[in-house]
PDB file of N, CA and C in Angstrom:
ATOM      1  N   MET A   1     -14.003 -30.822  -7.137  1.00  0.00           N
ATOM      2  CA  MET A   1     -13.677 -31.123  -8.510  1.00  0.00           C
ATOM      3  C   MET A   1     -14.493 -32.341  -8.940  1.00  0.00           C
ATOM      4  N   GLY A   2     -15.170 -32.244 -10.064  1.00  0.00           N
ATOM      5  CA  GLY A   2     -15.981 -33.350 -10.556  1.00  0.00           C
ATOM      6  C   GLY A   2     -15.179 -34.337 -11.382  1.00  0.00           C
ATOM      7  N   MET A   3     -15.854 -35.406 -11.742  1.00  0.00           N
ATOM      8  CA  MET A   3     -15.225 -36.420 -12.587  1.00  0.00           C
ATOM      9  C   MET A   3     -15.115 -35.899 -14.015  1.00  0.00           C
ATOM     10  N   ARG A   4     -14.197 -36.490 -14.747  1.00  0.00           N
ATOM     11  CA  ARG A   4     -14.132 -36.222 -16.178  1.00  0.00           C
ATOM     12  C   ARG A   4     -14.027 -37.533 -16.922  1.00  0.00           C
ATOM     13  N   LYS A   5     -14.562 -37.543 -18.104  1.00  0.00           N
ATOM     14  CA  LYS A   5     -14.454 -38.718 -18.961  1.00  0.00           C
ATOM     15  C   LYS A   5     -13.175 -38.555 -19.773  1.00  0.00           C
ATOM     16  N   ARG A   6     -12.237 -39.487 -19.590  1.00  0.00           N
ATOM     17  CA  ARG A   6     -10.966 -39.446 -20.307  1.00  0.00           C
ATOM     18  C   ARG A   6     -10.925 -40.591 -21.310  1.00  0.00           C
ATOM     19  N   PHE A   7     -10.777 -40.246 -22.583  1.00  0.00           N
ATOM     20  CA  PHE A   7     -10.734 -41.246 -23.642  1.00  0.00           C
ATOM     21  C   PHE A   7      -9.310 -41.728 -23.880  1.00  0.00           C
ATOM     22  N   ALA A   8      -9.195 -42.833 -24.599  1.00  0.00           N
ATOM     23  CA  ALA A   8      -7.935 -43.550 -24.763  1.00  0.00           C
ATOM     24  C   ALA A   8      -6.871 -42.795 -25.551  1.00  0.00           C
ATOM     25  N   TYR A   9      -7.213 -41.967 -26.484  1.00  0.00           N
ATOM     26  CA  TYR A   9      -6.154 -41.435 -27.340  1.00  0.00           C
ATOM     27  C   TYR A   9      -6.578 -40.163 -28.034  1.00  0.00           C
ATOM     28  N   ASN A  10      -5.593 -39.498 -28.630  1.00  0.00           N
ATOM     29  CA  ASN A  10      -5.814 -38.335 -29.483  1.00  0.00           C
ATOM     30  C   ASN A  10      -5.836 -38.849 -30.922  1.00  0.00           C
ATOM     31  N   SER A  11      -6.875 -38.576 -31.656  1.00  0.00           N
ATOM     32  CA  SER A  11      -7.055 -39.159 -32.991  1.00  0.00           C
ATOM     33  C   SER A  11      -5.984 -38.734 -33.991  1.00  0.00           C
ATOM     34  N   GLU A  12      -5.171 -37.726 -33.665  1.00  0.00           N
ATOM     35  CA  GLU A  12      -4.101 -37.310 -34.571  1.00  0.00           C
ATOM     36  C   GLU A  12      -2.852 -38.179 -34.430  1.00  0.00           C
ATOM     37  N   ASP A  13      -2.806 -39.019 -33.407  1.00  0.00           N
ATOM     38  CA  ASP A  13      -1.649 -39.876 -33.186  1.00  0.00           C
ATOM     39  C   ASP A  13      -1.891 -41.249 -33.816  1.00  0.00           C
ATOM     40  N   LEU A  14      -0.813 -42.024 -33.998  1.00  0.00           N
ATOM     41  CA  LEU A  14      -0.940 -43.387 -34.510  1.00  0.00           C
ATOM     42  C   LEU A  14      -1.538 -44.241 -33.399  1.00  0.00           C
ATOM     43  N   TYR A  15      -2.557 -45.024 -33.730  1.00  0.00           N
ATOM     44  CA  TYR A  15      -3.351 -45.697 -32.708  1.00  0.00           C
ATOM     45  C   TYR A  15      -3.766 -47.072 -33.194  1.00  0.00           C
ATOM     46  N   LYS A  16      -3.674 -48.054 -32.311  1.00  0.00           N
ATOM     47  CA  LYS A  16      -4.143 -49.419 -32.581  1.00  0.00           C
ATOM     48  C   LYS A  16      -4.846 -49.911 -31.325  1.00  0.00           C
ATOM     49  N   GLN A  17      -5.994 -50.554 -31.502  1.00  0.00           N
ATOM     50  CA  GLN A  17      -6.793 -51.036 -30.371  1.00  0.00           C
ATOM     51  C   GLN A  17      -7.166 -52.494 -30.605  1.00  0.00           C
ATOM     52  N   ILE A  18      -7.066 -53.303 -29.542  1.00  0.00           N
ATOM     53  CA  ILE A  18      -7.486 -54.706 -29.636  1.00  0.00           C
ATOM     54  C   ILE A  18      -8.304 -55.078 -28.409  1.00  0.00           C
ATOM     55  N   THR A  19      -9.172 -56.060 -28.587  1.00  0.00           N
ATOM     56  CA  THR A  19      -9.895 -56.641 -27.466  1.00  0.00           C
ATOM     57  C   THR A  19      -9.112 -57.869 -27.018  1.00  0.00           C
ATOM     58  N   VAL A  20      -8.870 -57.973 -25.717  1.00  0.00           N
ATOM     59  CA  VAL A  20      -8.088 -59.074 -25.156  1.00  0.00           C
ATOM     60  C   VAL A  20      -9.022 -59.922 -24.300  1.00  0.00           C
ATOM     61  N   ASP A  21      -8.984 -61.239 -24.513  1.00  0.00           N
ATOM     62  CA  ASP A  21      -9.782 -62.174 -23.711  1.00  0.00           C
ATOM     63  C   ASP A  21      -8.868 -63.321 -23.290  1.00  0.00           C
ATOM     64  N   GLU A  22      -8.046 -63.041 -22.299  1.00  0.00           N
ATOM     65  CA  GLU A  22      -7.071 -64.002 -21.780  1.00  0.00           C
ATOM     66  C   GLU A  22      -7.306 -64.167 -20.284  1.00  0.00           C
ATOM     67  N   PRO A  23      -6.828 -65.258 -19.689  1.00  0.00           N
ATOM     68  CA  PRO A  23      -6.996 -65.433 -18.239  1.00  0.00           C
ATOM     69  C   PRO A  23      -6.383 -64.288 -17.418  1.00  0.00           C
ATOM     70  N   PHE A  24      -5.274 -63.711 -17.907  1.00  0.00           N
ATOM     71  CA  PHE A  24      -4.586 -62.661 -17.159  1.00  0.00           C
ATOM     72  C   PHE A  24      -5.173 -61.272 -17.376  1.00  0.00           C
ATOM     73  N   PHE A  25      -5.969 -61.075 -18.441  1.00  0.00           N
ATOM     74  CA  PHE A  25      -6.560 -59.760 -18.719  1.00  0.00           C
ATOM     75  C   PHE A  25      -7.708 -59.907 -19.693  1.00  0.00           C
ATOM     76  N   LYS A  26      -8.828 -59.304 -19.359  1.00  0.00           N
ATOM     77  CA  LYS A  26      -9.980 -59.220 -20.253  1.00  0.00           C
ATOM     78  C   LYS A  26     -10.365 -57.753 -20.349  1.00  0.00           C
ATOM     79  N   GLY A  27     -10.347 -57.229 -21.551  1.00  0.00           N
ATOM     80  CA  GLY A  27     -10.680 -55.822 -21.749  1.00  0.00           C
ATOM     81  C   GLY A  27     -10.133 -55.327 -23.067  1.00  0.00           C
ATOM     82  N   VAL A  28      -9.863 -54.042 -23.114  1.00  0.00           N
ATOM     83  CA  VAL A  28      -9.349 -53.405 -24.327  1.00  0.00           C
ATOM     84  C   VAL A  28      -7.948 -52.895 -24.047  1.00  0.00           C
ATOM     85  N   ALA A  29      -7.047 -53.140 -24.987  1.00  0.00           N
ATOM     86  CA  ALA A  29      -5.683 -52.619 -24.908  1.00  0.00           C
ATOM     87  C   ALA A  29      -5.433 -51.756 -26.139  1.00  0.00           C
ATOM     88  N   CYS A  30      -4.734 -50.656 -25.932  1.00  0.00           N
ATOM     89  CA  CYS A  30      -4.450 -49.711 -27.010  1.00  0.00           C
ATOM     90  C   CYS A  30      -2.959 -49.401 -27.009  1.00  0.00           C
ATOM     91  N   ILE A  31      -2.416 -49.152 -28.198  1.00  0.00           N
ATOM     92  CA  ILE A  31      -1.065 -48.624 -28.291  1.00  0.00           C
ATOM     93  C   ILE A  31      -1.146 -47.330 -29.072  1.00  0.00           C
ATOM     94  N   VAL A  32      -0.466 -46.327 -28.558  1.00  0.00           N
ATOM     95  CA  VAL A  32      -0.484 -44.997 -29.160  1.00  0.00           C
ATOM     96  C   VAL A  32       0.951 -44.563 -29.381  1.00  0.00           C
ATOM     97  N   LYS A  33       1.247 -44.115 -30.585  1.00  0.00           N
ATOM     98  CA  LYS A  33       2.555 -43.524 -30.899  1.00  0.00           C
ATOM     99  C   LYS A  33       2.313 -42.027 -31.050  1.00  0.00           C
ATOM    100  N   LEU A  34       2.825 -41.243 -30.112  1.00  0.00           N
ATOM    101  CA  LEU A  34       2.568 -39.805 -30.091  1.00  0.00           C
ATOM    102  C   LEU A  34       3.372 -39.109 -31.174  1.00  0.00           C
ATOM    103  N   GLN A  35       2.681 -38.297 -31.963  1.00  0.00           N
ATOM    104  CA  GLN A  35       3.370 -37.577 -33.028  1.00  0.00           C
ATOM    105  C   GLN A  35       2.886 -36.147 -33.186  1.00  0.00           C
ATOM    106  N   ASN A  36       1.914 -35.726 -32.410  1.00  0.00           N
ATOM    107  CA  ASN A  36       1.379 -34.368 -32.515  1.00  0.00           C
ATOM    108  C   ASN A  36       1.313 -33.689 -31.153  1.00  0.00           C
ATOM    109  N   VAL A  37       2.377 -33.826 -30.373  1.00  0.00           N
ATOM    110  CA  VAL A  37       2.434 -33.226 -29.047  1.00  0.00           C
ATOM    111  C   VAL A  37       2.822 -31.757 -29.196  1.00  0.00           C
ATOM    112  N   ALA A  38       1.939 -30.856 -28.768  1.00  0.00           N
ATOM    113  CA  ALA A  38       2.208 -29.427 -28.886  1.00  0.00           C
ATOM    114  C   ALA A  38       3.285 -28.973 -27.904  1.00  0.00           C
ATOM    115  N   LYS A  39       3.263 -29.544 -26.691  1.00  0.00           N
ATOM    116  CA  LYS A  39       4.220 -29.157 -25.651  1.00  0.00           C
ATOM    117  C   LYS A  39       4.535 -30.393 -24.816  1.00  0.00           C
ATOM    118  N   PRO A  40       5.817 -30.767 -24.689  1.00  0.00           N
ATOM    119  CA  PRO A  40       6.167 -31.927 -23.869  1.00  0.00           C
ATOM    120  C   PRO A  40       5.667 -31.760 -22.434  1.00  0.00           C
ATOM    121  N   LYS A  41       5.357 -32.899 -21.780  1.00  0.00           N
ATOM    122  CA  LYS A  41       4.888 -32.875 -20.392  1.00  0.00           C
ATOM    123  C   LYS A  41       5.966 -33.499 -19.513  1.00  0.00           C
ATOM    124  N   TYR A  42       6.281 -32.808 -18.420  1.00  0.00           N
ATOM    125  CA  TYR A  42       7.292 -33.258 -17.473  1.00  0.00           C
ATOM    126  C   TYR A  42       6.657 -33.490 -16.104  1.00  0.00           C
ATOM    127  N   ILE A  43       7.234 -34.421 -15.347  1.00  0.00           N
ATOM    128  CA  ILE A  43       6.836 -34.642 -13.961  1.00  0.00           C
ATOM    129  C   ILE A  43       8.078 -34.548 -13.086  1.00  0.00           C
ATOM    130  N   ALA A  44       7.868 -34.245 -11.813  1.00  0.00           N
ATOM    131  CA  ALA A  44       8.970 -34.245 -10.851  1.00  0.00           C
ATOM    132  C   ALA A  44       9.142 -35.656 -10.318  1.00  0.00           C
ATOM    133  N   HIS A  45      10.394 -36.089 -10.258  1.00  0.00           N
ATOM    134  CA  HIS A  45      10.741 -37.392  -9.674  1.00  0.00           C
ATOM    135  C   HIS A  45      11.975 -37.153  -8.818  1.00  0.00           C
ATOM    136  N   GLY A  46      11.744 -36.959  -7.519  1.00  0.00           N
ATOM    137  CA  GLY A  46      12.843 -36.553  -6.652  1.00  0.00           C
ATOM    138  C   GLY A  46      13.300 -35.163  -7.061  1.00  0.00           C
ATOM    139  N   LYS A  47      14.582 -35.017  -7.318  1.00  0.00           N
ATOM    140  CA  LYS A  47      15.137 -33.724  -7.753  1.00  0.00           C
ATOM    141  C   LYS A  47      15.164 -33.589  -9.268  1.00  0.00           C
ATOM    142  N   GLU A  48      14.768 -34.645  -9.953  1.00  0.00           N
ATOM    143  CA  GLU A  48      14.780 -34.658 -11.417  1.00  0.00           C
ATOM    144  C   GLU A  48      13.439 -34.248 -11.996  1.00  0.00           C
ATOM    145  N   LYS A  49      13.472 -33.768 -13.232  1.00  0.00           N
ATOM    146  CA  LYS A  49      12.266 -33.606 -14.038  1.00  0.00           C
ATOM    147  C   LYS A  49      12.354 -34.642 -15.144  1.00  0.00           C
ATOM    148  N   ILE A  50      11.300 -35.432 -15.309  1.00  0.00           N
ATOM    149  CA  ILE A  50      11.288 -36.494 -16.308  1.00  0.00           C
ATOM    150  C   ILE A  50      10.216 -36.177 -17.341  1.00  0.00           C
ATOM    151  N   CYS A  51      10.586 -36.247 -18.605  1.00  0.00           N
ATOM    152  CA  CYS A  51       9.616 -36.054 -19.682  1.00  0.00           C
ATOM    153  C   CYS A  51       8.817 -37.346 -19.834  1.00  0.00           C
ATOM    154  N   ILE A  52       7.476 -37.235 -19.780  1.00  0.00           N
ATOM    155  CA  ILE A  52       6.629 -38.420 -19.917  1.00  0.00           C
ATOM    156  C   ILE A  52       5.792 -38.405 -21.193  1.00  0.00           C
ATOM    157  N   ILE A  53       5.643 -37.244 -21.817  1.00  0.00           N
ATOM    158  CA  ILE A  53       4.862 -37.125 -23.046  1.00  0.00           C
ATOM    159  C   ILE A  53       5.624 -36.232 -24.013  1.00  0.00           C
ATOM    160  N   ASP A  54       5.927 -36.757 -25.210  1.00  0.00           N
ATOM    161  CA  ASP A  54       6.578 -35.965 -26.256  1.00  0.00           C
ATOM    162  C   ASP A  54       6.430 -36.709 -27.581  1.00  0.00           C
ATOM    163  N   ASN A  55       6.727 -36.038 -28.650  1.00  0.00           N
ATOM    164  CA  ASN A  55       6.667 -36.674 -29.964  1.00  0.00           C
ATOM    165  C   ASN A  55       7.620 -37.858 -30.015  1.00  0.00           C
ATOM    166  N   GLY A  56       7.153 -38.951 -30.603  1.00  0.00           N
ATOM    167  CA  GLY A  56       7.942 -40.164 -30.709  1.00  0.00           C
ATOM    168  C   GLY A  56       7.784 -41.103 -29.526  1.00  0.00           C
ATOM    169  N   TYR A  57       7.151 -40.652 -28.446  1.00  0.00           N
ATOM    170  CA  TYR A  57       6.911 -41.498 -27.278  1.00  0.00           C
ATOM    171  C   TYR A  57       5.746 -42.437 -27.573  1.00  0.00           C
ATOM    172  N   SER A  58       5.665 -43.549 -26.849  1.00  0.00           N
ATOM    173  CA  SER A  58       4.594 -44.530 -27.031  1.00  0.00           C
ATOM    174  C   SER A  58       3.888 -44.791 -25.708  1.00  0.00           C
ATOM    175  N   LEU A  59       2.612 -45.105 -25.801  1.00  0.00           N
ATOM    176  CA  LEU A  59       1.792 -45.456 -24.647  1.00  0.00           C
ATOM    177  C   LEU A  59       1.099 -46.775 -24.928  1.00  0.00           C
ATOM    178  N   ILE A  60       1.055 -47.636 -23.929  1.00  0.00           N
ATOM    179  CA  ILE A  60       0.174 -48.795 -23.960  1.00  0.00           C
ATOM    180  C   ILE A  60      -0.872 -48.533 -22.889  1.00  0.00           C
ATOM    181  N   GLU A  61      -2.131 -48.562 -23.278  1.00  0.00           N
ATOM    182  CA  GLU A  61      -3.218 -48.303 -22.343  1.00  0.00           C
ATOM    183  C   GLU A  61      -4.077 -49.555 -22.213  1.00  0.00           C
ATOM    184  N   ALA A  62      -4.459 -49.884 -20.985  1.00  0.00           N
ATOM    185  CA  ALA A  62      -5.283 -51.068 -20.724  1.00  0.00           C
ATOM    186  C   ALA A  62      -6.522 -50.645 -19.957  1.00  0.00           C
ATOM    187  N   TYR A  63      -7.674 -51.077 -20.464  1.00  0.00           N
ATOM    188  CA  TYR A  63      -8.981 -50.788 -19.869  1.00  0.00           C
ATOM    189  C   TYR A  63      -9.669 -52.116 -19.586  1.00  0.00           C
ATOM    190  N   PRO A  64      -9.550 -52.621 -18.362  1.00  0.00           N
ATOM    191  CA  PRO A  64     -10.123 -53.943 -18.058  1.00  0.00           C
ATOM    192  C   PRO A  64     -11.650 -53.916 -18.017  1.00  0.00           C
ATOM    193  N   ASP A  65     -12.263 -54.993 -18.523  1.00  0.00           N
ATOM    194  CA  ASP A  65     -13.718 -55.149 -18.406  1.00  0.00           C
ATOM    195  C   ASP A  65     -14.096 -55.085 -16.936  1.00  0.00           C
ATOM    196  N   ASN A  66     -15.143 -54.354 -16.617  1.00  0.00           N
ATOM    197  CA  ASN A  66     -15.645 -54.231 -15.246  1.00  0.00           C
ATOM    198  C   ASN A  66     -14.580 -53.741 -14.276  1.00  0.00           C
ATOM    199  N   GLY A  67     -13.568 -53.060 -14.785  1.00  0.00           N
ATOM    200  CA  GLY A  67     -12.484 -52.579 -13.937  1.00  0.00           C
ATOM    201  C   GLY A  67     -12.792 -51.240 -13.297  1.00  0.00           C
ATOM    202  N   LYS A  68     -11.966 -50.883 -12.356  1.00  0.00           N
ATOM    203  CA  LYS A  68     -12.065 -49.598 -11.672  1.00  0.00           C
ATOM    204  C   LYS A  68     -10.761 -48.816 -11.819  1.00  0.00           C
ATOM    205  N   TYR A  69     -10.006 -49.124 -12.859  1.00  0.00           N
ATOM    206  CA  TYR A  69      -8.759 -48.424 -13.142  1.00  0.00           C
ATOM    207  C   TYR A  69      -8.456 -48.524 -14.632  1.00  0.00           C
ATOM    208  N   ALA A  70      -7.629 -47.597 -15.100  1.00  0.00           N
ATOM    209  CA  ALA A  70      -7.030 -47.684 -16.429  1.00  0.00           C
ATOM    210  C   ALA A  70      -5.521 -47.601 -16.218  1.00  0.00           C
ATOM    211  N   LEU A  71      -4.780 -48.411 -16.925  1.00  0.00           N
ATOM    212  CA  LEU A  71      -3.326 -48.438 -16.809  1.00  0.00           C
ATOM    213  C   LEU A  71      -2.707 -47.866 -18.074  1.00  0.00           C
ATOM    214  N   THR A  72      -1.767 -46.949 -17.906  1.00  0.00           N
ATOM    215  CA  THR A  72      -0.980 -46.430 -19.023  1.00  0.00           C
ATOM    216  C   THR A  72       0.486 -46.741 -18.745  1.00  0.00           C
ATOM    217  N   ILE A  73       1.131 -47.386 -19.706  1.00  0.00           N
ATOM    218  CA  ILE A  73       2.561 -47.679 -19.616  1.00  0.00           C
ATOM    219  C   ILE A  73       3.236 -46.774 -20.631  1.00  0.00           C
ATOM    220  N   MET A  74       4.179 -45.956 -20.164  1.00  0.00           N
ATOM    221  CA  MET A  74       4.795 -44.928 -21.007  1.00  0.00           C
ATOM    222  C   MET A  74       6.225 -45.297 -21.361  1.00  0.00           C
ATOM    223  N   PHE A  75       6.570 -45.081 -22.640  1.00  0.00           N
ATOM    224  CA  PHE A  75       7.913 -45.344 -23.161  1.00  0.00           C
ATOM    225  C   PHE A  75       8.422 -44.099 -23.881  1.00  0.00           C
ATOM    226  N   ASP A  76       9.726 -43.831 -23.774  1.00  0.00           N
ATOM    227  CA  ASP A  76      10.278 -42.688 -24.497  1.00  0.00           C
ATOM    228  C   ASP A  76      10.504 -43.045 -25.964  1.00  0.00           C
ATOM    229  N   ASP A  77      11.095 -42.129 -26.715  1.00  0.00           N
ATOM    230  CA  ASP A  77      11.273 -42.328 -28.158  1.00  0.00           C
ATOM    231  C   ASP A  77      12.314 -43.395 -28.499  1.00  0.00           C
ATOM    232  N   ARG A  78      13.044 -43.901 -27.504  1.00  0.00           N
ATOM    233  CA  ARG A  78      13.989 -45.007 -27.712  1.00  0.00           C
ATOM    234  C   ARG A  78      13.402 -46.334 -27.246  1.00  0.00           C
ATOM    235  N   GLY A  79      12.156 -46.305 -26.732  1.00  0.00           N
ATOM    236  CA  GLY A  79      11.511 -47.518 -26.241  1.00  0.00           C
ATOM    237  C   GLY A  79      11.834 -47.840 -24.798  1.00  0.00           C
ATOM    238  N   THR A  80      12.467 -46.917 -24.087  1.00  0.00           N
ATOM    239  CA  THR A  80      12.810 -47.113 -22.677  1.00  0.00           C
ATOM    240  C   THR A  80      11.586 -46.851 -21.810  1.00  0.00           C
ATOM    241  N   LEU A  81      11.298 -47.763 -20.888  1.00  0.00           N
ATOM    242  CA  LEU A  81      10.166 -47.612 -19.982  1.00  0.00           C
ATOM    243  C   LEU A  81      10.341 -46.375 -19.110  1.00  0.00           C
ATOM    244  N   ILE A  82       9.313 -45.542 -19.051  1.00  0.00           N
ATOM    245  CA  ILE A  82       9.329 -44.353 -18.195  1.00  0.00           C
ATOM    246  C   ILE A  82       8.587 -44.637 -16.896  1.00  0.00           C
ATOM    247  N   GLU A  83       7.333 -45.099 -17.009  1.00  0.00           N
ATOM    248  CA  GLU A  83       6.538 -45.377 -15.812  1.00  0.00           C
ATOM    249  C   GLU A  83       5.286 -46.164 -16.155  1.00  0.00           C
ATOM    250  N   TRP A  84       4.716 -46.783 -15.127  1.00  0.00           N
ATOM    251  CA  TRP A  84       3.379 -47.358 -15.175  1.00  0.00           C
ATOM    252  C   TRP A  84       2.492 -46.370 -14.433  1.00  0.00           C
ATOM    253  N   TYR A  85       1.367 -46.002 -15.007  1.00  0.00           N
ATOM    254  CA  TYR A  85       0.502 -44.978 -14.417  1.00  0.00           C
ATOM    255  C   TYR A  85      -0.922 -45.522 -14.322  1.00  0.00           C
ATOM    256  N   PHE A  86      -1.428 -45.607 -13.111  1.00  0.00           N
ATOM    257  CA  PHE A  86      -2.781 -46.107 -12.872  1.00  0.00           C
ATOM    258  C   PHE A  86      -3.714 -44.939 -12.586  1.00  0.00           C
ATOM    259  N   ASP A  87      -4.787 -44.821 -13.355  1.00  0.00           N
ATOM    260  CA  ASP A  87      -5.871 -43.886 -13.076  1.00  0.00           C
ATOM    261  C   ASP A  87      -6.974 -44.687 -12.397  1.00  0.00           C
ATOM    262  N   ILE A  88      -7.331 -44.329 -11.170  1.00  0.00           N
ATOM    263  CA  ILE A  88      -8.432 -44.980 -10.492  1.00  0.00           C
ATOM    264  C   ILE A  88      -9.722 -44.370 -11.043  1.00  0.00           C
ATOM    265  N   ALA A  89     -10.666 -45.217 -11.419  1.00  0.00           N
ATOM    266  CA  ALA A  89     -11.860 -44.756 -12.122  1.00  0.00           C
ATOM    267  C   ALA A  89     -13.136 -45.200 -11.418  1.00  0.00           C
ATOM    268  N   LYS A  90     -14.157 -44.398 -11.588  1.00  0.00           N
ATOM    269  CA  LYS A  90     -15.482 -44.806 -11.118  1.00  0.00           C
ATOM    270  C   LYS A  90     -15.983 -45.946 -11.998  1.00  0.00           C
ATOM    271  N   SER A  91     -15.714 -45.822 -13.296  1.00  0.00           N
ATOM    272  CA  SER A  91     -16.119 -46.869 -14.229  1.00  0.00           C
ATOM    273  C   SER A  91     -15.263 -46.789 -15.490  1.00  0.00           C
ATOM    274  N   ILE A  92     -15.261 -47.892 -16.218  1.00  0.00           N
ATOM    275  CA  ILE A  92     -14.588 -48.019 -17.504  1.00  0.00           C
ATOM    276  C   ILE A  92     -15.672 -48.345 -18.520  1.00  0.00           C
ATOM    277  N   GLY A  93     -15.570 -47.775 -19.713  1.00  0.00           N
ATOM    278  CA  GLY A  93     -16.573 -48.073 -20.732  1.00  0.00           C
ATOM    279  C   GLY A  93     -16.023 -47.852 -22.122  1.00  0.00           C
ATOM    280  N   ILE A  94     -16.907 -47.981 -23.094  1.00  0.00           N
ATOM    281  CA  ILE A  94     -16.559 -47.738 -24.498  1.00  0.00           C
ATOM    282  C   ILE A  94     -17.647 -46.858 -25.087  1.00  0.00           C
ATOM    283  N   GLU A  95     -17.235 -45.803 -25.758  1.00  0.00           N
ATOM    284  CA  GLU A  95     -18.163 -44.884 -26.410  1.00  0.00           C
ATOM    285  C   GLU A  95     -17.677 -44.664 -27.835  1.00  0.00           C
ATOM    286  N   ASN A  96     -18.549 -44.876 -28.802  1.00  0.00           N
ATOM    287  CA  ASN A  96     -18.179 -44.770 -30.216  1.00  0.00           C
ATOM    288  C   ASN A  96     -16.948 -45.614 -30.550  1.00  0.00           C
ATOM    289  N   GLY A  97     -16.844 -46.780 -29.898  1.00  0.00           N
ATOM    290  CA  GLY A  97     -15.761 -47.711 -30.170  1.00  0.00           C
ATOM    291  C   GLY A  97     -14.451 -47.399 -29.464  1.00  0.00           C
ATOM    292  N   ILE A  98     -14.391 -46.304 -28.701  1.00  0.00           N
ATOM    293  CA  ILE A  98     -13.160 -45.886 -28.035  1.00  0.00           C
ATOM    294  C   ILE A  98     -13.300 -46.074 -26.530  1.00  0.00           C
ATOM    295  N   PRO A  99     -12.345 -46.752 -25.862  1.00  0.00           N
ATOM    296  CA  PRO A  99     -12.437 -46.923 -24.408  1.00  0.00           C
ATOM    297  C   PRO A  99     -12.254 -45.594 -23.676  1.00  0.00           C
ATOM    298  N   PHE A 100     -12.897 -45.526 -22.502  1.00  0.00           N
ATOM    299  CA  PHE A 100     -12.768 -44.348 -21.660  1.00  0.00           C
ATOM    300  C   PHE A 100     -12.852 -44.760 -20.200  1.00  0.00           C
ATOM    301  N   GLU A 101     -12.482 -43.834 -19.348  1.00  0.00           N
ATOM    302  CA  GLU A 101     -12.632 -44.002 -17.907  1.00  0.00           C
ATOM    303  C   GLU A 101     -13.322 -42.768 -17.356  1.00  0.00           C
ATOM    304  N   ASP A 102     -14.117 -42.949 -16.316  1.00  0.00           N
ATOM    305  CA  ASP A 102     -14.637 -41.839 -15.539  1.00  0.00           C
ATOM    306  C   ASP A 102     -13.621 -41.611 -14.430  1.00  0.00           C
ATOM    307  N   ASP A 103     -12.721 -40.668 -14.662  1.00  0.00           N
ATOM    308  CA  ASP A 103     -11.541 -40.436 -13.831  1.00  0.00           C
ATOM    309  C   ASP A 103     -11.928 -39.856 -12.474  1.00  0.00           C
ATOM    310  N   LEU A 104     -11.464 -40.497 -11.397  1.00  0.00           N
ATOM    311  CA  LEU A 104     -11.717 -40.016 -10.034  1.00  0.00           C
ATOM    312  C   LEU A 104     -10.571 -39.147  -9.505  1.00  0.00           C
ATOM    313  N   TYR A 105      -9.560 -38.874 -10.346  1.00  0.00           N
ATOM    314  CA  TYR A 105      -8.413 -38.045  -9.956  1.00  0.00           C
ATOM    315  C   TYR A 105      -7.641 -38.634  -8.787  1.00  0.00           C
ATOM    316  N   LEU A 106      -7.619 -39.938  -8.707  1.00  0.00           N
ATOM    317  CA  LEU A 106      -6.804 -40.644  -7.725  1.00  0.00           C
ATOM    318  C   LEU A 106      -5.864 -41.527  -8.527  1.00  0.00           C
ATOM    319  N   ASP A 107      -4.604 -41.144  -8.580  1.00  0.00           N
ATOM    320  CA  ASP A 107      -3.656 -41.793  -9.478  1.00  0.00           C
ATOM    321  C   ASP A 107      -2.474 -42.366  -8.718  1.00  0.00           C
ATOM    322  N   MET A 108      -1.827 -43.333  -9.360  1.00  0.00           N
ATOM    323  CA  MET A 108      -0.633 -43.927  -8.784  1.00  0.00           C
ATOM    324  C   MET A 108       0.378 -44.160  -9.915  1.00  0.00           C
ATOM    325  N   ALA A 109       1.587 -43.669  -9.722  1.00  0.00           N
ATOM    326  CA  ALA A 109       2.646 -43.878 -10.692  1.00  0.00           C
ATOM    327  C   ALA A 109       3.715 -44.769 -10.099  1.00  0.00           C
ATOM    328  N   ILE A 110       4.192 -45.710 -10.897  1.00  0.00           N
ATOM    329  CA  ILE A 110       5.276 -46.597 -10.473  1.00  0.00           C
ATOM    330  C   ILE A 110       6.427 -46.395 -11.454  1.00  0.00           C
ATOM    331  N   MET A 111       7.556 -45.989 -10.918  1.00  0.00           N
ATOM    332  CA  MET A 111       8.734 -45.755 -11.742  1.00  0.00           C
ATOM    333  C   MET A 111       9.541 -47.053 -11.834  1.00  0.00           C
ATOM    334  N   PRO A 112      10.296 -47.243 -12.897  1.00  0.00           N
ATOM    335  CA  PRO A 112      11.063 -48.481 -13.054  1.00  0.00           C
ATOM    336  C   PRO A 112      12.091 -48.708 -11.957  1.00  0.00           C
ATOM    337  N   ASP A 113      12.524 -47.642 -11.281  1.00  0.00           N
ATOM    338  CA  ASP A 113      13.521 -47.806 -10.221  1.00  0.00           C
ATOM    339  C   ASP A 113      12.866 -48.003  -8.879  1.00  0.00           C
TER     340      ASP A 113
END
């Protein structure tokens, strides 16, 4: 399986992007409010199925300068934290003003519990 370029957001959703230059993080951060999800996405967590993508859900995405990962923090429609999701990347960049990662398909999810 080859790499894929994964961009920060779907242009049909509400989206805000900022450049951060702080001691704790240098890079691009995005917030996305999902409103055009065709089909909710679920993951298995033990014996449970947890919805991680649906209308009204929010994502905070972080793309560090010179980083080798992209972080997505997922919240449900009530603002409850669902998970922190790290995509390990070959590289992080910006194309046409939008951050992206060259996804290596090596991911790590951290649940709040």
